[in-house]
Every structure is written in C-alpha cells, then in structure tokens.
Amino acid sequence: MSWVEVAAILVIGFVGSAEFGSVALVHPVIRKLAPDDQLIFEKGLLKTFGRIMPVVMTLAAVLAIVLAVDNPTVWLALAAISLGIALVVTIIGNVPINLRTGRINEEAAPEGFLAMRRRWDVFQLIRGSLQLLGFVFVTFGIVGA
C-alpha cells in the first residue's frame, strides 16, 4: 500500500466519521437545546470543527481524485465523485450559513436562526452521508473489494 493510499484512508475515514457523527450523534442533541443555547453551541463548533474541517475536507477530495486518476477503478471514481460533491455542498450550502452564524453578535438567537440552522442540517446530512460513502468507496478501491 502506498503512502497516498494510507493517507487517503486515514484522512477520508476521519472526515467521513467526523461529519457523519455530527449528523447522527451531535446535532440531534443540539436541536433539543433552547435556541439561545443552540447559538452558543453552534458558535463553539465553528471554533473547533470550523478550523480543521475545511482543510481536511479539501484534502480528502484531493486525495480521492489523485487515487482515481492514478488507478481508474469504479470504486475510486465513486469516491472522488462522492467527496467532490460533498465539498461543493459544503461550499454552497454549509459555509454561507456558518458565516452568518459566526457573525451573530448578540447572545440571544435572532429571529430566523432556527430555520437557518435546520437548512444547515439538511446540507450536513447530504455532505456527511457523501463523505461516509466516499470512505467506503475509497476503502473498497484500495483494498480491492
């Protein structure tokens, strides 16, 4: 196994697990909080996930594309497509909402905050699912399912 394949499995596995874990385990709990507490929690996540995930999500897509170009198999092509679409969904869906959330200066959730975050949840479900699928695809492509 090459260093690129090892890096791809580790990085894509981290991204897929972290983002799908966010969908399935973290955000359902956040939605049960009062709106003002949701605002605090979401702004906190922007300082943790928001610092590392843009870099590793992009790296995950790049690694998948490199592997698919170097070894054009169906599994690796599906991984590259899945992770590429997830990155596009992130940029056009999640990022604008995260930027708006980060610009909220008041401590109370403003009108429309919950509706905005529920739209974010839809984008998160799509990208988290695509990233987890990308991990499955790249693993099958490397291991040789």
N, C-alpha and C. Protein backbone atom coordinates (compact mmCIF):
# COMPACT_ATOMS: atom_id res chain seq x y z
N MET A 1 0.86 -1.18 0.00
CA MET A 1 0.00 0.00 0.00
C MET A 1 0.90 1.23 0.00
N SER A 2 0.60 2.17 -0.88
CA SER A 2 1.41 3.38 -1.00
C SER A 2 1.06 4.37 0.12
N TRP A 3 1.93 5.37 0.29
CA TRP A 3 1.68 6.38 1.32
C TRP A 3 0.43 7.20 0.98
N VAL A 4 0.14 7.39 -0.32
CA VAL A 4 -1.06 8.14 -0.73
C VAL A 4 -2.31 7.35 -0.35
N GLU A 5 -2.28 6.05 -0.54
CA GLU A 5 -3.42 5.21 -0.18
C GLU A 5 -3.64 5.22 1.33
N VAL A 6 -2.56 5.12 2.10
CA VAL A 6 -2.67 5.17 3.56
C VAL A 6 -3.23 6.52 4.00
N ALA A 7 -2.67 7.59 3.44
CA ALA A 7 -3.15 8.93 3.78
C ALA A 7 -4.62 9.09 3.42
N ALA A 8 -5.01 8.56 2.25
CA ALA A 8 -6.41 8.67 1.82
C ALA A 8 -7.34 7.96 2.78
N ILE A 9 -7.00 6.75 3.15
CA ILE A 9 -7.86 6.01 4.09
C ILE A 9 -7.97 6.75 5.42
N LEU A 10 -6.84 7.25 5.93
CA LEU A 10 -6.86 7.93 7.22
C LEU A 10 -7.62 9.26 7.15
N VAL A 11 -7.32 10.07 6.16
CA VAL A 11 -7.95 11.40 6.07
C VAL A 11 -9.43 11.27 5.72
N ILE A 12 -9.75 10.47 4.71
CA ILE A 12 -11.14 10.32 4.30
C ILE A 12 -11.95 9.62 5.38
N GLY A 13 -11.33 8.65 6.06
CA GLY A 13 -12.01 7.99 7.18
C GLY A 13 -12.31 8.96 8.31
N PHE A 14 -11.35 9.84 8.61
CA PHE A 14 -11.58 10.84 9.65
C PHE A 14 -12.72 11.78 9.27
N VAL A 15 -12.66 12.29 8.04
CA VAL A 15 -13.68 13.24 7.57
C VAL A 15 -15.07 12.59 7.57
N GLY A 16 -15.15 11.40 6.98
CA GLY A 16 -16.45 10.73 6.90
C GLY A 16 -17.02 10.41 8.27
N SER A 17 -16.15 9.96 9.15
CA SER A 17 -16.61 9.62 10.51
C SER A 17 -17.00 10.86 11.29
N ALA A 18 -16.18 11.89 11.22
CA ALA A 18 -16.47 13.12 11.97
C ALA A 18 -17.76 13.78 11.49
N GLU A 19 -17.91 13.91 10.18
CA GLU A 19 -19.08 14.60 9.65
C GLU A 19 -20.35 13.78 9.78
N PHE A 20 -20.27 12.48 9.56
CA PHE A 20 -21.47 11.68 9.74
C PHE A 20 -21.81 11.55 11.23
N GLY A 21 -20.79 11.49 12.08
CA GLY A 21 -21.02 11.51 13.53
C GLY A 21 -21.71 12.79 13.96
N SER A 22 -21.35 13.88 13.32
CA SER A 22 -22.01 15.16 13.60
C SER A 22 -23.49 15.08 13.26
N VAL A 23 -23.78 14.50 12.09
CA VAL A 23 -25.18 14.35 11.63
C VAL A 23 -25.97 13.47 12.59
N ALA A 24 -25.40 12.31 12.89
CA ALA A 24 -26.15 11.27 13.60
C ALA A 24 -26.12 11.40 15.12
N LEU A 25 -25.06 11.99 15.66
CA LEU A 25 -24.89 11.96 17.11
C LEU A 25 -24.85 13.33 17.78
N VAL A 26 -24.25 14.32 17.15
CA VAL A 26 -24.07 15.63 17.80
C VAL A 26 -25.27 16.54 17.58
N HIS A 27 -25.63 16.75 16.33
CA HIS A 27 -26.69 17.73 16.06
C HIS A 27 -28.09 17.32 16.53
N PRO A 28 -28.43 16.05 16.60
CA PRO A 28 -29.73 15.72 17.21
C PRO A 28 -29.82 16.19 18.67
N VAL A 29 -28.71 16.17 19.38
CA VAL A 29 -28.69 16.65 20.77
C VAL A 29 -28.79 18.18 20.78
N ILE A 30 -28.06 18.84 19.89
CA ILE A 30 -28.12 20.30 19.84
C ILE A 30 -29.54 20.78 19.58
N ARG A 31 -30.27 20.09 18.69
CA ARG A 31 -31.64 20.51 18.35
C ARG A 31 -32.58 20.45 19.54
N LYS A 32 -32.23 19.73 20.58
CA LYS A 32 -33.08 19.65 21.77
C LYS A 32 -32.85 20.80 22.74
N LEU A 33 -31.80 21.58 22.51
CA LEU A 33 -31.49 22.72 23.39
C LEU A 33 -32.37 23.91 23.07
N ALA A 34 -32.45 24.83 24.02
CA ALA A 34 -33.15 26.10 23.78
C ALA A 34 -32.41 26.86 22.68
N PRO A 35 -33.11 27.70 21.92
CA PRO A 35 -32.47 28.42 20.80
C PRO A 35 -31.20 29.18 21.19
N ASP A 36 -31.21 29.86 22.32
CA ASP A 36 -30.02 30.61 22.72
C ASP A 36 -28.85 29.67 23.00
N ASP A 37 -29.13 28.51 23.58
CA ASP A 37 -28.08 27.53 23.84
C ASP A 37 -27.58 26.89 22.53
N GLN A 38 -28.48 26.73 21.58
CA GLN A 38 -28.07 26.23 20.27
C GLN A 38 -27.08 27.20 19.62
N LEU A 39 -27.36 28.49 19.75
CA LEU A 39 -26.48 29.51 19.19
C LEU A 39 -25.09 29.40 19.81
N ILE A 40 -25.02 29.30 21.12
CA ILE A 40 -23.73 29.18 21.81
C ILE A 40 -22.99 27.93 21.34
N PHE A 41 -23.70 26.82 21.27
CA PHE A 41 -23.10 25.55 20.88
C PHE A 41 -22.57 25.63 19.44
N GLU A 42 -23.41 26.13 18.52
CA GLU A 42 -23.01 26.21 17.11
C GLU A 42 -21.82 27.13 16.93
N LYS A 43 -21.80 28.25 17.62
CA LYS A 43 -20.64 29.15 17.51
C LYS A 43 -19.39 28.49 18.08
N GLY A 44 -19.54 27.68 19.10
CA GLY A 44 -18.41 26.94 19.63
C GLY A 44 -17.88 25.93 18.63
N LEU A 45 -18.79 25.24 17.95
CA LEU A 45 -18.37 24.27 16.94
C LEU A 45 -17.63 24.94 15.78
N LEU A 46 -18.01 26.18 15.47
CA LEU A 46 -17.31 26.90 14.41
C LEU A 46 -15.84 27.12 14.78
N LYS A 47 -15.55 27.19 16.08
CA LYS A 47 -14.17 27.40 16.53
C LYS A 47 -13.39 26.10 16.61
N THR A 48 -14.07 24.96 16.61
CA THR A 48 -13.36 23.68 16.65
C THR A 48 -13.41 23.02 15.28
N PHE A 49 -14.57 22.51 14.89
CA PHE A 49 -14.72 21.89 13.57
C PHE A 49 -14.36 22.89 12.47
N GLY A 50 -14.76 24.13 12.66
CA GLY A 50 -14.58 25.15 11.63
C GLY A 50 -13.14 25.48 11.31
N ARG A 51 -12.23 25.13 12.18
CA ARG A 51 -10.81 25.41 11.92
C ARG A 51 -10.13 24.29 11.17
N ILE A 52 -10.49 23.04 11.45
CA ILE A 52 -9.78 21.90 10.87
C ILE A 52 -10.50 21.31 9.66
N MET A 53 -11.82 21.29 9.69
CA MET A 53 -12.56 20.57 8.65
C MET A 53 -12.40 21.15 7.24
N PRO A 54 -12.33 22.46 7.06
CA PRO A 54 -12.13 22.94 5.69
C PRO A 54 -10.85 22.39 5.05
N VAL A 55 -9.81 22.27 5.84
CA VAL A 55 -8.54 21.76 5.33
C VAL A 55 -8.64 20.27 5.03
N VAL A 56 -9.14 19.49 5.99
CA VAL A 56 -9.16 18.04 5.77
C VAL A 56 -10.24 17.61 4.78
N MET A 57 -11.35 18.34 4.69
CA MET A 57 -12.35 18.01 3.67
C MET A 57 -11.78 18.21 2.27
N THR A 58 -11.08 19.31 2.08
CA THR A 58 -10.46 19.57 0.79
C THR A 58 -9.38 18.53 0.50
N LEU A 59 -8.57 18.22 1.49
CA LEU A 59 -7.53 17.20 1.32
C LEU A 59 -8.14 15.84 0.98
N ALA A 60 -9.26 15.51 1.61
CA ALA A 60 -9.93 14.23 1.34
C ALA A 60 -10.34 14.15 -0.13
N ALA A 61 -10.94 15.21 -0.64
CA ALA A 61 -11.37 15.22 -2.04
C ALA A 61 -10.17 15.14 -2.97
N VAL A 62 -9.11 15.88 -2.66
CA VAL A 62 -7.90 15.87 -3.49
C VAL A 62 -7.27 14.48 -3.50
N LEU A 63 -7.17 13.85 -2.34
CA LEU A 63 -6.59 12.50 -2.27
C LEU A 63 -7.42 11.50 -3.08
N ALA A 64 -8.72 11.61 -2.99
CA ALA A 64 -9.59 10.69 -3.75
C ALA A 64 -9.41 10.91 -5.25
N ILE A 65 -9.32 12.14 -5.67
CA ILE A 65 -9.12 12.43 -7.09
C ILE A 65 -7.76 11.92 -7.56
N VAL A 66 -6.72 12.14 -6.77
CA VAL A 66 -5.38 11.64 -7.12
C VAL A 66 -5.41 10.13 -7.29
N LEU A 67 -6.03 9.44 -6.36
CA LEU A 67 -6.11 7.98 -6.45
C LEU A 67 -6.90 7.53 -7.68
N ALA A 68 -8.01 8.21 -7.94
CA ALA A 68 -8.85 7.83 -9.08
C ALA A 68 -8.14 8.07 -10.41
N VAL A 69 -7.34 9.11 -10.49
CA VAL A 69 -6.59 9.40 -11.71
C VAL A 69 -5.45 8.39 -11.87
N ASP A 70 -4.80 8.09 -10.76
CA ASP A 70 -3.66 7.16 -10.79
C ASP A 70 -4.08 5.72 -11.03
N ASN A 71 -5.25 5.35 -10.52
CA ASN A 71 -5.74 3.97 -10.64
C ASN A 71 -7.24 4.03 -10.93
N PRO A 72 -7.61 4.22 -12.18
CA PRO A 72 -9.03 4.45 -12.52
C PRO A 72 -9.90 3.21 -12.38
N THR A 73 -10.41 3.01 -11.18
CA THR A 73 -11.37 1.94 -10.92
C THR A 73 -12.72 2.57 -10.61
N VAL A 74 -13.75 1.78 -10.69
CA VAL A 74 -15.10 2.28 -10.40
C VAL A 74 -15.17 2.78 -8.96
N TRP A 75 -14.61 2.01 -8.01
CA TRP A 75 -14.69 2.39 -6.60
C TRP A 75 -14.00 3.72 -6.34
N LEU A 76 -12.81 3.88 -6.92
CA LEU A 76 -12.07 5.13 -6.68
C LEU A 76 -12.72 6.31 -7.41
N ALA A 77 -13.32 6.05 -8.56
CA ALA A 77 -14.06 7.12 -9.25
C ALA A 77 -15.28 7.53 -8.41
N LEU A 78 -15.99 6.55 -7.87
CA LEU A 78 -17.14 6.87 -7.00
C LEU A 78 -16.70 7.64 -5.76
N ALA A 79 -15.56 7.28 -5.20
CA ALA A 79 -15.04 8.01 -4.04
C ALA A 79 -14.75 9.46 -4.40
N ALA A 80 -14.07 9.67 -5.52
CA ALA A 80 -13.74 11.03 -5.95
C ALA A 80 -15.01 11.85 -6.22
N ILE A 81 -15.97 11.24 -6.87
CA ILE A 81 -17.23 11.93 -7.18
C ILE A 81 -17.97 12.27 -5.89
N SER A 82 -18.08 11.29 -5.00
CA SER A 82 -18.79 11.49 -3.75
C SER A 82 -18.17 12.61 -2.91
N LEU A 83 -16.85 12.57 -2.78
CA LEU A 83 -16.16 13.58 -1.97
C LEU A 83 -16.14 14.93 -2.66
N GLY A 84 -16.09 14.93 -3.98
CA GLY A 84 -16.16 16.20 -4.72
C GLY A 84 -17.51 16.87 -4.55
N ILE A 85 -18.58 16.09 -4.66
CA ILE A 85 -19.92 16.64 -4.47
C ILE A 85 -20.09 17.12 -3.03
N ALA A 86 -19.58 16.35 -2.08
CA ALA A 86 -19.66 16.76 -0.67
C ALA A 86 -18.98 18.11 -0.45
N LEU A 87 -17.85 18.32 -1.11
CA LEU A 87 -17.14 19.60 -0.97
C LEU A 87 -17.95 20.74 -1.58
N VAL A 88 -18.57 20.49 -2.72
CA VAL A 88 -19.42 21.51 -3.36
C VAL A 88 -20.62 21.83 -2.46
N VAL A 89 -21.27 20.81 -1.91
CA VAL A 89 -22.40 21.03 -1.00
C VAL A 89 -21.95 21.87 0.20
N THR A 90 -20.78 21.57 0.71
CA THR A 90 -20.23 22.33 1.84
C THR A 90 -20.07 23.79 1.48
N ILE A 91 -19.47 24.05 0.32
CA ILE A 91 -19.16 25.42 -0.08
C ILE A 91 -20.42 26.23 -0.37
N ILE A 92 -21.39 25.62 -1.06
CA ILE A 92 -22.59 26.39 -1.43
C ILE A 92 -23.69 26.33 -0.37
N GLY A 93 -23.66 25.32 0.50
CA GLY A 93 -24.72 25.17 1.49
C GLY A 93 -24.30 25.50 2.92
N ASN A 94 -23.34 24.76 3.44
CA ASN A 94 -22.96 24.91 4.84
C ASN A 94 -22.17 26.18 5.13
N VAL A 95 -21.20 26.50 4.28
CA VAL A 95 -20.31 27.63 4.56
C VAL A 95 -21.07 28.96 4.70
N PRO A 96 -21.98 29.30 3.78
CA PRO A 96 -22.69 30.58 3.96
C PRO A 96 -23.48 30.63 5.28
N ILE A 97 -24.08 29.52 5.65
CA ILE A 97 -24.83 29.50 6.92
C ILE A 97 -23.88 29.61 8.10
N ASN A 98 -22.73 28.93 8.03
CA ASN A 98 -21.74 29.05 9.10
C ASN A 98 -21.23 30.48 9.23
N LEU A 99 -21.00 31.14 8.10
CA LEU A 99 -20.54 32.53 8.15
C LEU A 99 -21.57 33.43 8.81
N ARG A 100 -22.85 33.23 8.45
CA ARG A 100 -23.92 34.03 9.09
C ARG A 100 -24.00 33.75 10.58
N THR A 101 -23.88 32.47 10.95
CA THR A 101 -23.92 32.10 12.37
C THR A 101 -22.77 32.75 13.12
N GLY A 102 -21.59 32.73 12.53
CA GLY A 102 -20.42 33.32 13.17
C GLY A 102 -20.50 34.82 13.33
N ARG A 103 -21.29 35.49 12.49
CA ARG A 103 -21.43 36.95 12.57
C ARG A 103 -22.50 37.40 13.57
N ILE A 104 -23.21 36.47 14.17
CA ILE A 104 -24.23 36.85 15.15
C ILE A 104 -23.51 37.34 16.41
N ASN A 105 -23.73 38.60 16.75
CA ASN A 105 -23.03 39.19 17.90
C ASN A 105 -23.83 39.12 19.19
N GLU A 106 -25.14 39.10 19.07
CA GLU A 106 -25.96 39.06 20.27
C GLU A 106 -25.88 37.66 20.90
N GLU A 107 -26.22 37.60 22.17
CA GLU A 107 -26.17 36.32 22.88
C GLU A 107 -27.46 35.53 22.74
N ALA A 108 -28.51 36.21 22.31
CA ALA A 108 -29.79 35.54 22.09
C ALA A 108 -29.92 35.20 20.61
N ALA A 109 -30.50 34.05 20.34
CA ALA A 109 -30.69 33.63 18.95
C ALA A 109 -31.67 34.59 18.27
N PRO A 110 -31.26 35.18 17.15
CA PRO A 110 -32.14 36.12 16.46
C PRO A 110 -33.27 35.39 15.74
N GLU A 111 -34.25 36.17 15.33
CA GLU A 111 -35.36 35.60 14.57
C GLU A 111 -34.82 34.94 13.30
N GLY A 112 -35.32 33.77 13.00
CA GLY A 112 -34.90 33.05 11.82
C GLY A 112 -33.69 32.14 12.03
N PHE A 113 -33.09 32.22 13.22
CA PHE A 113 -31.89 31.42 13.48
C PHE A 113 -32.18 29.92 13.38
N LEU A 114 -33.26 29.47 14.01
CA LEU A 114 -33.55 28.03 14.00
C LEU A 114 -33.85 27.53 12.58
N ALA A 115 -34.58 28.30 11.80
CA ALA A 115 -34.87 27.89 10.42
C ALA A 115 -33.58 27.81 9.61
N MET A 116 -32.69 28.77 9.82
CA MET A 116 -31.40 28.77 9.12
C MET A 116 -30.59 27.52 9.50
N ARG A 117 -30.57 27.19 10.77
CA ARG A 117 -29.80 26.02 11.21
C ARG A 117 -30.45 24.72 10.75
N ARG A 118 -31.76 24.66 10.60
CA ARG A 118 -32.38 23.45 10.07
C ARG A 118 -32.04 23.26 8.59
N ARG A 119 -31.88 24.38 7.85
CA ARG A 119 -31.39 24.28 6.47
C ARG A 119 -29.97 23.72 6.48
N TRP A 120 -29.16 24.19 7.42
CA TRP A 120 -27.79 23.69 7.56
C TRP A 120 -27.81 22.18 7.82
N ASP A 121 -28.74 21.73 8.65
CA ASP A 121 -28.85 20.29 8.95
C ASP A 121 -29.08 19.46 7.69
N VAL A 122 -29.87 19.97 6.76
CA VAL A 122 -30.13 19.25 5.51
C VAL A 122 -28.82 19.12 4.72
N PHE A 123 -28.11 20.24 4.59
CA PHE A 123 -26.82 20.19 3.89
C PHE A 123 -25.85 19.25 4.61
N GLN A 124 -25.87 19.27 5.93
CA GLN A 124 -24.97 18.42 6.71
C GLN A 124 -25.29 16.93 6.50
N LEU A 125 -26.56 16.60 6.43
CA LEU A 125 -26.94 15.22 6.18
C LEU A 125 -26.44 14.76 4.81
N ILE A 126 -26.56 15.63 3.82
CA ILE A 126 -26.10 15.29 2.47
C ILE A 126 -24.59 15.12 2.45
N ARG A 127 -23.87 16.11 2.96
CA ARG A 127 -22.41 16.03 2.87
C ARG A 127 -21.85 14.94 3.77
N GLY A 128 -22.38 14.79 4.98
CA GLY A 128 -21.89 13.75 5.87
C GLY A 128 -22.10 12.36 5.29
N SER A 129 -23.24 12.15 4.65
CA SER A 129 -23.52 10.86 4.01
C SER A 129 -22.59 10.63 2.84
N LEU A 130 -22.37 11.66 2.02
CA LEU A 130 -21.47 11.53 0.88
C LEU A 130 -20.03 11.28 1.33
N GLN A 131 -19.63 11.90 2.42
CA GLN A 131 -18.26 11.70 2.92
C GLN A 131 -18.08 10.30 3.49
N LEU A 132 -19.09 9.80 4.17
CA LEU A 132 -19.00 8.43 4.68
C LEU A 132 -18.98 7.44 3.51
N LEU A 133 -19.81 7.67 2.51
CA LEU A 133 -19.79 6.84 1.30
C LEU A 133 -18.43 6.92 0.61
N GLY A 134 -17.86 8.11 0.57
CA GLY A 134 -16.54 8.27 -0.03
C GLY A 134 -15.51 7.42 0.67
N PHE A 135 -15.60 7.34 1.98
CA PHE A 135 -14.69 6.49 2.75
C PHE A 135 -14.88 5.02 2.40
N VAL A 136 -16.13 4.59 2.33
CA VAL A 136 -16.41 3.20 1.96
C VAL A 136 -15.87 2.93 0.55
N PHE A 137 -16.14 3.82 -0.39
CA PHE A 137 -15.70 3.63 -1.78
C PHE A 137 -14.18 3.58 -1.88
N VAL A 138 -13.50 4.51 -1.22
CA VAL A 138 -12.03 4.54 -1.33
C VAL A 138 -11.42 3.30 -0.66
N THR A 139 -12.02 2.86 0.42
CA THR A 139 -11.52 1.65 1.08
C THR A 139 -11.70 0.44 0.16
N PHE A 140 -12.87 0.29 -0.44
CA PHE A 140 -13.09 -0.82 -1.39
C PHE A 140 -12.11 -0.71 -2.56
N GLY A 141 -11.89 0.52 -3.03
CA GLY A 141 -10.99 0.72 -4.16
C GLY A 141 -9.55 0.36 -3.85
N ILE A 142 -9.13 0.62 -2.64
CA ILE A 142 -7.75 0.34 -2.24
C ILE A 142 -7.56 -1.11 -1.85
N VAL A 143 -8.49 -1.61 -1.05
CA VAL A 143 -8.38 -2.99 -0.55
C VAL A 143 -8.73 -3.99 -1.65
N GLY A 144 -9.57 -3.55 -2.57
CA GLY A 144 -9.94 -4.42 -3.69
C GLY A 144 -11.12 -5.31 -3.40
N ALA A 145 -12.26 -4.68 -3.20
CA ALA A 145 -13.48 -5.44 -2.90
C ALA A 145 -13.94 -6.26 -4.08
